Protein backbone atom coordinates (compact mmCIF):
# COMPACT_ATOMS: atom_id res chain seq x y z
CA MET A 1 -0.21 13.82 -40.73
CA THR A 2 0.26 10.15 -39.74
CA ASN A 3 -0.95 9.19 -36.27
CA VAL A 4 1.46 6.99 -34.31
CA ARG A 5 0.43 5.84 -30.83
CA ILE A 6 0.79 3.13 -28.23
CA ARG A 7 -2.14 0.71 -28.15
CA ILE A 8 -2.40 -0.98 -24.77
CA VAL A 9 -3.40 -4.63 -25.32
CA GLY A 10 -4.32 -6.21 -22.01
CA ASN A 11 -5.68 -9.58 -23.10
CA LEU A 12 -6.58 -11.77 -26.07
CA ASP A 13 -9.98 -10.10 -26.50
CA ASP A 14 -8.29 -6.70 -26.83
CA ALA A 15 -5.90 -8.16 -29.39
CA LYS A 16 -8.70 -9.77 -31.38
CA ASN A 17 -10.82 -6.61 -31.47
CA GLU A 18 -7.94 -4.45 -32.65
CA ILE A 19 -6.78 -6.88 -35.34
CA VAL A 20 -10.34 -7.38 -36.61
CA LYS A 21 -10.78 -3.60 -36.91
CA ILE A 22 -7.83 -3.51 -39.30
CA GLY A 23 -9.65 -5.96 -41.57
CA CYS A 24 -7.32 -8.96 -41.33
CA ASP A 25 -8.27 -12.37 -42.65
CA PRO A 26 -10.00 -14.47 -39.93
CA VAL A 27 -7.21 -17.06 -40.07
CA GLY A 28 -4.66 -14.28 -39.63
CA VAL A 29 -6.60 -12.94 -36.64
CA LYS A 30 -6.25 -16.25 -34.80
CA LEU A 31 -2.55 -16.50 -35.63
CA MET A 32 -1.72 -12.95 -34.56
CA MET A 33 -3.78 -12.65 -31.37
CA PRO A 34 -1.26 -14.49 -29.12
CA LYS A 35 1.56 -12.42 -30.64
CA ALA A 36 0.01 -9.17 -29.41
CA VAL A 37 -0.27 -10.03 -25.71
CA HIS A 38 2.82 -10.01 -23.47
CA ARG A 39 3.00 -11.96 -20.23
CA THR A 40 5.71 -12.25 -17.56
CA ILE A 41 5.75 -15.48 -15.57
CA LYS A 42 7.78 -16.15 -12.42
CA ILE A 43 8.95 -19.65 -11.46
CA GLU A 44 10.63 -20.12 -8.09
CA LYS A 45 13.64 -22.21 -7.05
CA ILE A 46 14.34 -24.57 -9.94
CA ASP A 47 17.40 -26.58 -10.91
CA PRO A 48 20.08 -24.38 -12.56
CA ARG A 49 20.29 -26.80 -15.51
CA ALA A 50 16.54 -26.48 -16.06
CA ALA A 51 16.80 -22.69 -15.74
CA ASN A 52 19.51 -22.48 -18.40
CA ILE A 53 17.47 -24.63 -20.77
CA MET A 54 14.45 -22.38 -20.22
CA LYS A 55 16.50 -19.28 -20.96
CA GLN A 56 17.93 -20.70 -24.17
CA GLU A 57 14.56 -21.96 -25.41
CA MET A 58 12.86 -18.65 -24.65
CA LEU A 59 15.62 -16.75 -26.43
CA SER A 60 15.21 -19.00 -29.47
CA ALA A 61 11.48 -18.22 -29.45
CA GLY A 62 12.19 -14.48 -29.45
CA GLY A 63 11.53 -13.84 -25.77
CA ASP A 64 13.87 -13.87 -22.79
CA ALA A 65 14.27 -15.25 -19.28
CA ALA A 66 16.04 -13.70 -16.30
CA ILE A 67 17.94 -16.13 -14.06
CA SER A 68 20.52 -15.81 -11.30
CA ARG A 69 24.15 -15.18 -12.28
CA ASN A 70 25.13 -18.16 -10.14
CA ALA A 71 22.62 -20.33 -12.00
CA LEU A 72 24.42 -19.51 -15.25
CA LEU A 73 27.43 -21.22 -13.68
CA GLY A 74 25.28 -24.15 -12.54
CA LYS A 75 25.92 -23.47 -8.84
CA GLN A 76 22.50 -23.10 -7.22
CA LYS A 77 18.75 -23.16 -7.67
CA THR A 78 17.24 -19.98 -9.03
CA ASP A 79 14.04 -18.11 -9.63
CA VAL A 80 13.22 -17.53 -13.29
CA LEU A 81 11.35 -14.62 -14.84
CA ILE A 82 10.08 -15.57 -18.29
CA MET A 83 9.20 -12.65 -20.55
CA GLY A 84 7.42 -12.93 -23.86
CA THR A 85 4.20 -12.97 -25.83
CA ILE A 86 1.62 -15.70 -25.40
CA LYS A 87 2.83 -17.12 -28.72
CA GLN A 88 6.40 -17.29 -27.39
CA HIS A 89 5.19 -18.93 -24.19
CA GLU A 90 3.32 -21.52 -26.26
CA SER A 91 6.52 -22.28 -28.17
CA LEU A 92 8.44 -22.60 -24.90
CA ILE A 93 5.80 -24.95 -23.45
CA ASN A 94 6.04 -27.30 -26.43
CA LYS A 95 9.83 -27.42 -26.23
CA LEU A 96 10.01 -27.89 -22.46
CA LYS A 97 7.71 -30.91 -22.63
CA MET A 98 10.55 -32.77 -24.33
CA GLN A 99 13.26 -31.73 -21.85
CA PRO A 100 14.65 -33.41 -18.68
CA PHE A 101 15.12 -32.03 -15.14
CA GLY A 102 11.39 -31.89 -14.40
CA LEU A 103 10.71 -29.38 -17.17
CA LYS A 104 7.69 -31.27 -18.49
CA ASN A 105 5.93 -30.60 -15.17
CA VAL A 106 6.99 -26.95 -15.32
CA ALA A 107 5.60 -26.73 -18.86
CA ASP A 108 2.28 -28.19 -17.71
CA GLU A 109 2.09 -25.61 -14.89
CA ILE A 110 2.86 -22.69 -17.24
CA GLU A 111 0.23 -23.95 -19.65
CA GLY A 112 -2.29 -24.29 -16.83
CA ILE A 113 -1.88 -20.81 -15.38
CA LEU A 114 -1.94 -19.18 -18.83
CA THR A 115 -5.18 -21.03 -19.60
CA VAL A 116 -6.79 -19.92 -16.34
CA PHE A 117 -5.53 -16.34 -16.64
CA GLU A 118 -6.59 -15.77 -20.25
CA ARG A 119 -9.95 -17.50 -20.30
CA LYS A 120 -13.22 -15.66 -19.81
CA LYS A 121 -15.23 -18.47 -18.31
CA TYR A 122 -17.99 -17.68 -15.85
CA GLN A 123 -18.07 -19.79 -12.71
CA VAL A 124 -21.33 -20.59 -10.96
CA LEU A 125 -20.85 -20.64 -7.20
CA LYS A 126 -23.68 -22.31 -5.31
CA CYS A 127 -24.40 -20.90 -1.85
CA GLY A 128 -27.28 -22.95 -0.50
CA LYS A 129 -30.33 -21.99 -2.58
CA TYR A 130 -28.47 -19.09 -4.21
CA SER A 131 -26.11 -19.01 -7.19
CA LEU A 132 -23.43 -16.40 -7.88
CA GLY A 133 -22.24 -15.99 -11.47
CA ILE A 134 -18.59 -15.25 -10.73
CA GLY A 135 -17.10 -13.14 -13.49
CA LYS A 136 -20.34 -11.65 -14.77
CA LYS A 137 -20.36 -8.77 -12.28
CA THR A 138 -18.72 -7.56 -9.10
CA TYR A 139 -20.58 -8.83 -6.06
CA VAL A 140 -20.87 -6.51 -3.07
CA MET A 141 -20.74 -8.06 0.39
CA GLY A 142 -22.18 -5.85 3.13
CA VAL A 143 -20.43 -5.95 6.52
CA LEU A 144 -22.69 -6.49 9.52
CA ASN A 145 -20.65 -6.20 12.72
CA VAL A 146 -22.57 -7.44 15.74
CA THR A 147 -19.90 -6.23 18.15
CA PRO A 148 -19.45 -3.31 20.54
CA ASP A 149 -15.83 -2.70 19.47
CA SER A 150 -15.65 -2.81 15.67
CA PHE A 151 -12.67 -0.94 14.19
CA SER A 152 -14.97 0.79 11.71
CA GLY A 153 -17.20 2.25 14.38
CA ASP A 154 -20.33 0.61 12.97
CA GLY A 155 -20.77 -2.21 15.48
CA ILE A 156 -24.34 -2.98 16.55
CA THR A 157 -25.30 -4.84 19.73
CA ASN A 158 -29.08 -4.89 19.27
CA ALA A 159 -30.43 -7.71 17.06
CA GLU A 160 -33.38 -5.70 15.75
CA ASN A 161 -31.13 -2.82 14.73
CA ALA A 162 -28.67 -5.22 13.10
CA VAL A 163 -31.37 -6.82 10.98
CA GLU A 164 -32.74 -3.43 9.95
CA LYS A 165 -29.26 -2.42 8.87
CA ALA A 166 -28.90 -5.63 6.86
CA LYS A 167 -32.24 -5.03 5.14
CA LYS A 168 -31.15 -1.50 4.28
CA MET A 169 -27.91 -2.82 2.78
CA VAL A 170 -29.88 -5.27 0.62
CA GLU A 171 -32.15 -2.42 -0.53
CA GLU A 172 -29.00 -0.50 -1.46
CA GLY A 173 -27.79 -3.39 -3.62
CA ALA A 174 -25.79 -5.71 -1.37
CA ASP A 175 -25.51 -9.18 -2.92
CA LEU A 176 -24.36 -10.84 0.31
CA ILE A 177 -24.36 -10.06 4.02
CA ASP A 178 -21.39 -11.01 6.23
CA VAL A 179 -22.24 -11.37 9.92
CA GLY A 180 -19.50 -11.27 12.55
CA GLY A 181 -19.71 -11.37 16.35
CA GLU A 182 -16.05 -10.84 17.24
CA SER A 183 -13.91 -7.84 16.38
CA THR A 184 -10.71 -8.75 14.51
CA ARG A 185 -9.28 -5.25 14.49
CA PRO A 186 -5.53 -4.96 15.22
CA PHE A 187 -4.61 -5.72 18.86
CA SER A 188 -8.12 -6.95 19.69
CA LYS A 189 -8.61 -9.74 22.21
CA PRO A 190 -10.68 -12.83 21.36
CA VAL A 191 -14.10 -13.29 22.90
CA SER A 192 -15.49 -16.53 24.26
CA GLU A 193 -17.44 -18.85 22.03
CA SER A 194 -20.55 -18.43 24.16
CA GLU A 195 -20.38 -14.63 23.95
CA GLU A 196 -19.86 -14.68 20.20
CA TRP A 197 -22.85 -16.97 19.71
CA ARG A 198 -24.98 -14.85 22.03
CA ARG A 199 -24.30 -11.91 19.71
CA VAL A 200 -24.88 -13.57 16.34
CA GLU A 201 -27.61 -16.17 16.98
CA PRO A 202 -30.64 -13.83 17.17
CA VAL A 203 -29.37 -11.82 14.21
CA LEU A 204 -28.86 -14.89 12.02
CA LYS A 205 -32.29 -16.30 12.90
CA LYS A 206 -34.01 -13.06 11.91
CA LEU A 207 -31.91 -12.62 8.76
CA MET A 208 -32.94 -16.02 7.44
CA LYS A 209 -36.55 -14.87 7.51
CA GLU A 210 -36.16 -11.26 6.43
CA VAL A 211 -33.45 -10.98 3.76
CA ASP A 212 -33.25 -12.80 0.44
CA VAL A 213 -29.51 -12.90 -0.20
CA PRO A 214 -26.76 -15.32 0.86
CA VAL A 215 -25.57 -14.78 4.44
CA SER A 216 -21.97 -15.42 5.46
CA ILE A 217 -20.76 -16.22 8.97
CA ASP A 218 -17.51 -14.42 9.81
CA SER A 219 -15.89 -16.68 12.39
CA TYR A 220 -12.84 -18.90 12.85
CA LYS A 221 -14.54 -21.05 15.53
CA PRO A 222 -15.90 -24.35 14.14
CA ASN A 223 -18.81 -24.62 16.60
CA ILE A 224 -20.02 -21.11 15.79
CA VAL A 225 -19.83 -21.85 12.08
CA LYS A 226 -21.67 -25.17 12.40
CA LYS A 227 -24.51 -23.57 14.36
CA ALA A 228 -24.73 -20.73 11.84
CA LEU A 229 -24.91 -23.15 8.91
CA ASP A 230 -27.62 -25.12 10.71
CA ILE A 231 -29.66 -21.93 11.01
CA GLY A 232 -29.25 -21.18 7.30
CA ALA A 233 -26.01 -19.28 6.70
CA GLY A 234 -24.56 -20.26 3.34
CA ILE A 235 -20.90 -19.13 3.38
CA ILE A 236 -18.00 -19.54 5.82
CA ASN A 237 -15.68 -16.54 6.18
CA ASP A 238 -12.62 -17.85 8.01
CA ILE A 239 -9.92 -15.27 8.76
CA SER A 240 -7.63 -18.03 10.04
CA GLY A 241 -7.29 -19.46 6.53
CA LEU A 242 -8.96 -22.82 7.17
CA ARG A 243 -6.15 -23.90 9.50
CA ASN A 244 -8.53 -25.66 11.91
CA ARG A 245 -9.15 -29.28 10.92
CA GLU A 246 -12.66 -29.23 12.40
CA MET A 247 -13.53 -26.23 10.23
CA VAL A 248 -12.38 -28.15 7.16
CA LYS A 249 -14.62 -31.08 8.08
CA ILE A 250 -17.61 -28.76 8.51
CA ALA A 251 -17.02 -27.00 5.19
CA ALA A 252 -16.80 -30.37 3.42
CA LYS A 253 -19.84 -31.84 5.17
CA TYR A 254 -22.10 -28.85 4.46
CA ASP A 255 -20.66 -28.24 0.97
CA ALA A 256 -20.49 -24.57 1.89
CA PRO A 257 -18.29 -22.05 0.07
CA VAL A 258 -15.44 -21.05 2.34
CA ILE A 259 -13.48 -17.80 2.19
CA ILE A 260 -9.83 -18.56 2.93
CA MET A 261 -8.17 -15.37 4.12
CA HIS A 262 -4.47 -14.76 4.58
CA MET A 263 -3.40 -13.34 7.92
CA LYS A 264 0.10 -13.17 9.34
CA GLY A 265 -0.22 -13.86 13.06
CA THR A 266 -3.44 -13.20 14.99
CA PRO A 267 -5.50 -10.01 15.38
CA ARG A 268 -3.76 -9.46 18.70
CA ASN A 269 -0.23 -9.36 17.21
CA MET A 270 -0.58 -9.17 13.42
CA GLN A 271 0.39 -5.49 13.16
CA LYS A 272 3.60 -5.76 15.21
CA LYS A 273 6.09 -5.03 12.42
CA PRO A 274 4.87 -7.50 9.78
CA GLU A 275 7.67 -8.42 7.36
CA TYR A 276 7.73 -10.14 3.98
CA ARG A 277 10.41 -10.80 1.39
CA ASP A 278 7.73 -10.72 -1.33
CA VAL A 279 4.27 -10.09 0.11
CA VAL A 280 2.31 -11.23 -2.97
CA GLY A 281 4.58 -14.22 -3.55
CA GLU A 282 4.23 -15.39 0.05
CA ILE A 283 0.44 -14.97 0.05
CA PHE A 284 0.26 -16.80 -3.29
CA SER A 285 2.23 -19.74 -1.84
CA PHE A 286 -0.03 -19.76 1.21
CA PHE A 287 -3.12 -19.97 -1.00
CA ARG A 288 -1.69 -22.78 -3.12
CA GLU A 289 -0.97 -24.86 -0.04
CA ARG A 290 -4.34 -24.11 1.58
CA ILE A 291 -6.31 -24.78 -1.61
CA GLU A 292 -4.59 -28.12 -2.17
CA TYR A 293 -5.16 -29.12 1.46
CA ALA A 294 -8.81 -28.04 1.41
CA GLU A 295 -9.62 -29.75 -1.88
CA ASN A 296 -7.89 -32.96 -0.79
CA SER A 297 -10.07 -32.81 2.34
CA GLY A 298 -13.30 -32.60 0.36
CA VAL A 299 -13.85 -28.83 0.30
CA GLY A 300 -15.10 -28.03 -3.18
CA LYS A 301 -16.02 -24.34 -3.05
CA ILE A 302 -13.21 -21.92 -2.24
CA ILE A 303 -12.97 -18.12 -2.32
CA ILE A 304 -9.62 -16.46 -1.59
CA ASP A 305 -9.03 -13.19 0.28
CA PRO A 306 -5.48 -11.74 0.53
CA GLY A 307 -6.40 -10.10 3.85
CA ILE A 308 -5.86 -6.38 3.37
CA GLY A 309 -4.77 -4.98 6.75
CA PHE A 310 -4.30 -8.36 8.40
CA GLY A 311 -0.59 -8.55 9.15
CA LYS A 312 0.38 -6.04 6.46
CA ASN A 313 1.75 -2.51 6.60
CA LEU A 314 0.89 0.38 4.27
CA GLU A 315 3.27 -0.66 1.49
CA HIS A 316 2.20 -4.29 1.72
CA ASN A 317 -1.46 -3.34 1.25
CA LEU A 318 -0.72 -1.10 -1.71
CA GLU A 319 1.39 -3.77 -3.39
CA ILE A 320 -1.35 -6.36 -2.92
CA ILE A 321 -3.89 -4.09 -4.62
CA ARG A 322 -1.40 -3.22 -7.36
CA ARG A 323 -0.63 -6.89 -8.09
CA LEU A 324 -4.02 -8.35 -7.25
CA ARG A 325 -4.51 -9.91 -10.68
CA GLU A 326 -1.64 -12.32 -10.02
CA PHE A 327 -3.95 -14.27 -7.72
CA LYS A 328 -6.33 -14.96 -10.63
CA THR A 329 -4.05 -17.76 -11.86
CA LEU A 330 -5.22 -19.79 -8.85
CA GLY A 331 -8.59 -20.10 -10.56
CA LYS A 332 -10.67 -19.17 -7.51
CA PRO A 333 -13.12 -16.29 -6.91
CA LEU A 334 -11.24 -13.38 -5.40
CA LEU A 335 -12.65 -11.36 -2.49
CA VAL A 336 -11.03 -8.16 -1.22
CA GLY A 337 -11.97 -6.05 1.81
CA PRO A 338 -10.34 -2.59 1.62
CA SER A 339 -13.26 -0.82 3.28
CA ARG A 340 -12.28 1.93 5.77
CA LYS A 341 -8.95 0.20 6.45
CA SER A 342 -6.08 1.95 8.22
CA PHE A 343 -3.96 2.21 5.07
CA ILE A 344 -6.59 4.61 3.71
CA GLY A 345 -6.41 6.62 6.92
CA LYS A 346 -2.62 6.79 6.72
CA ILE A 347 -2.63 8.04 3.13
CA LEU A 348 -5.38 10.60 3.66
CA ASN A 349 -4.67 11.35 7.33
CA LEU A 350 -8.35 10.84 8.13
CA PRO A 351 -10.26 9.03 10.89
CA VAL A 352 -12.25 5.90 10.16
CA ASP A 353 -15.57 7.74 9.68
CA GLU A 354 -14.11 9.92 6.89
CA ARG A 355 -12.69 7.22 4.63
CA LEU A 356 -15.53 6.83 2.12
CA GLU A 357 -13.70 8.37 -0.84
CA GLY A 358 -10.60 6.33 -0.05
CA THR A 359 -12.71 3.19 0.17
CA LEU A 360 -14.33 3.91 -3.20
CA ALA A 361 -10.96 4.50 -4.87
CA SER A 362 -9.52 1.34 -3.33
CA ALA A 363 -12.55 -0.76 -4.27
CA ALA A 364 -12.42 0.53 -7.84
CA LEU A 365 -8.75 -0.40 -8.12
CA CYS A 366 -9.47 -3.86 -6.73
CA ILE A 367 -12.22 -4.41 -9.30
CA ALA A 368 -9.98 -3.19 -12.12
CA ASN A 369 -7.32 -5.64 -10.95
CA GLY A 370 -9.58 -8.67 -10.80
CA ALA A 371 -11.66 -8.70 -7.61
CA ASP A 372 -14.90 -10.68 -7.94
CA ILE A 373 -16.33 -9.69 -4.54
CA ILE A 374 -15.72 -6.56 -2.49
CA ARG A 375 -16.49 -6.59 1.23
CA VAL A 376 -17.61 -3.11 2.32
CA HIS A 377 -19.38 -1.05 4.96
CA ASP A 378 -20.74 1.68 2.65
CA VAL A 379 -22.93 -0.45 0.42
CA LYS A 380 -24.90 2.12 -1.60
CA GLU A 381 -21.84 4.08 -2.69
CA CYS A 382 -19.77 0.98 -3.43
CA VAL A 383 -22.57 -0.64 -5.47
CA ARG A 384 -22.69 2.46 -7.66
CA ALA A 385 -18.92 2.52 -8.05
CA ALA A 386 -18.89 -1.20 -8.89
CA LYS A 387 -21.48 -0.73 -11.64
CA ILE A 388 -19.29 1.90 -13.31
CA MET A 389 -16.20 -0.30 -12.97
CA ASP A 390 -18.03 -3.33 -14.38
CA ALA A 391 -19.14 -1.31 -17.39
CA VAL A 392 -15.49 -0.52 -18.09
CA VAL A 393 -13.65 -3.75 -17.24
CA ARG A 394 -16.18 -6.55 -17.87
CA LYS A 395 -17.13 -7.21 -21.46
């Protein structure tokens, strides 16, 4: 009996492996690989004349493009959804480069994001004396809350105990430690700069001597970050998305990697009915603007974090995880922090101290969908889960 089945081809490597197995000529392998991989690309708000040209050219290449009915009549700008194989996209790119209405620039952008999305190029991220090979493995960032009111219930107020916990996380496999002295749980109130520094200073000083992994400072206050970097912290974790000009100057001066997180509102009001037309699209636009601003200001090392639970409801968080890979076209390391978050509690109807299994499932999905770094409380368990996921998704 003949076996007929669907073969899921997720990328060019999958296509190459499957075609090679059949025994095709090497030249034929190269020609057929881009024909086996389908991609859908969204372009927002373009001239209706340009949109109609794109649709016709994609149809002629054997693909298709969805545009607004009004755009067909030339009445208004439209979003465009281009659907086709990589080969068809390549044909479209070549044709658009010869067209008017700004289509050459659109073609260059399509070409750029396809190149970034399809390539398997490792990126070395320097963090002080340390180097992270982004793409080679999933890095696990251990959360060290030096606060009395952490949402996760794991806050520590004693410096000695905090350092011992950090050392334990490193023994369990943590690749980085993230130190924070102010709770950013929903509806929390900010603490003074002096109080935040009183909490984190002794911990940071001890960590520099007693752990041998990069340490991140989780703060949106420039003075706190500068002091932490002077002590030896190597990464800035800024939940405010690098909106403070002084923070930008510090990141550029110290050449420190900075985690740009998306948050709608502030911790005090972010969970008051957050609304989005397209949560992933809006976060993507935010990142593009922030990355351009940061790079133009001299910041050369950027990590992006879509901010699970920061100004998002249950459905928003699930959609972000589901569509996480879309952020990979920005070409930056991707950090996600699903650990013990309220969306897990809502799905499972469990308190924060019983969300381990939900955290592991969420972390695994994030890794499968492109996360380079996962920020977690339960290091040992998440390190083990990440090793299994890496064995499956990283080749």
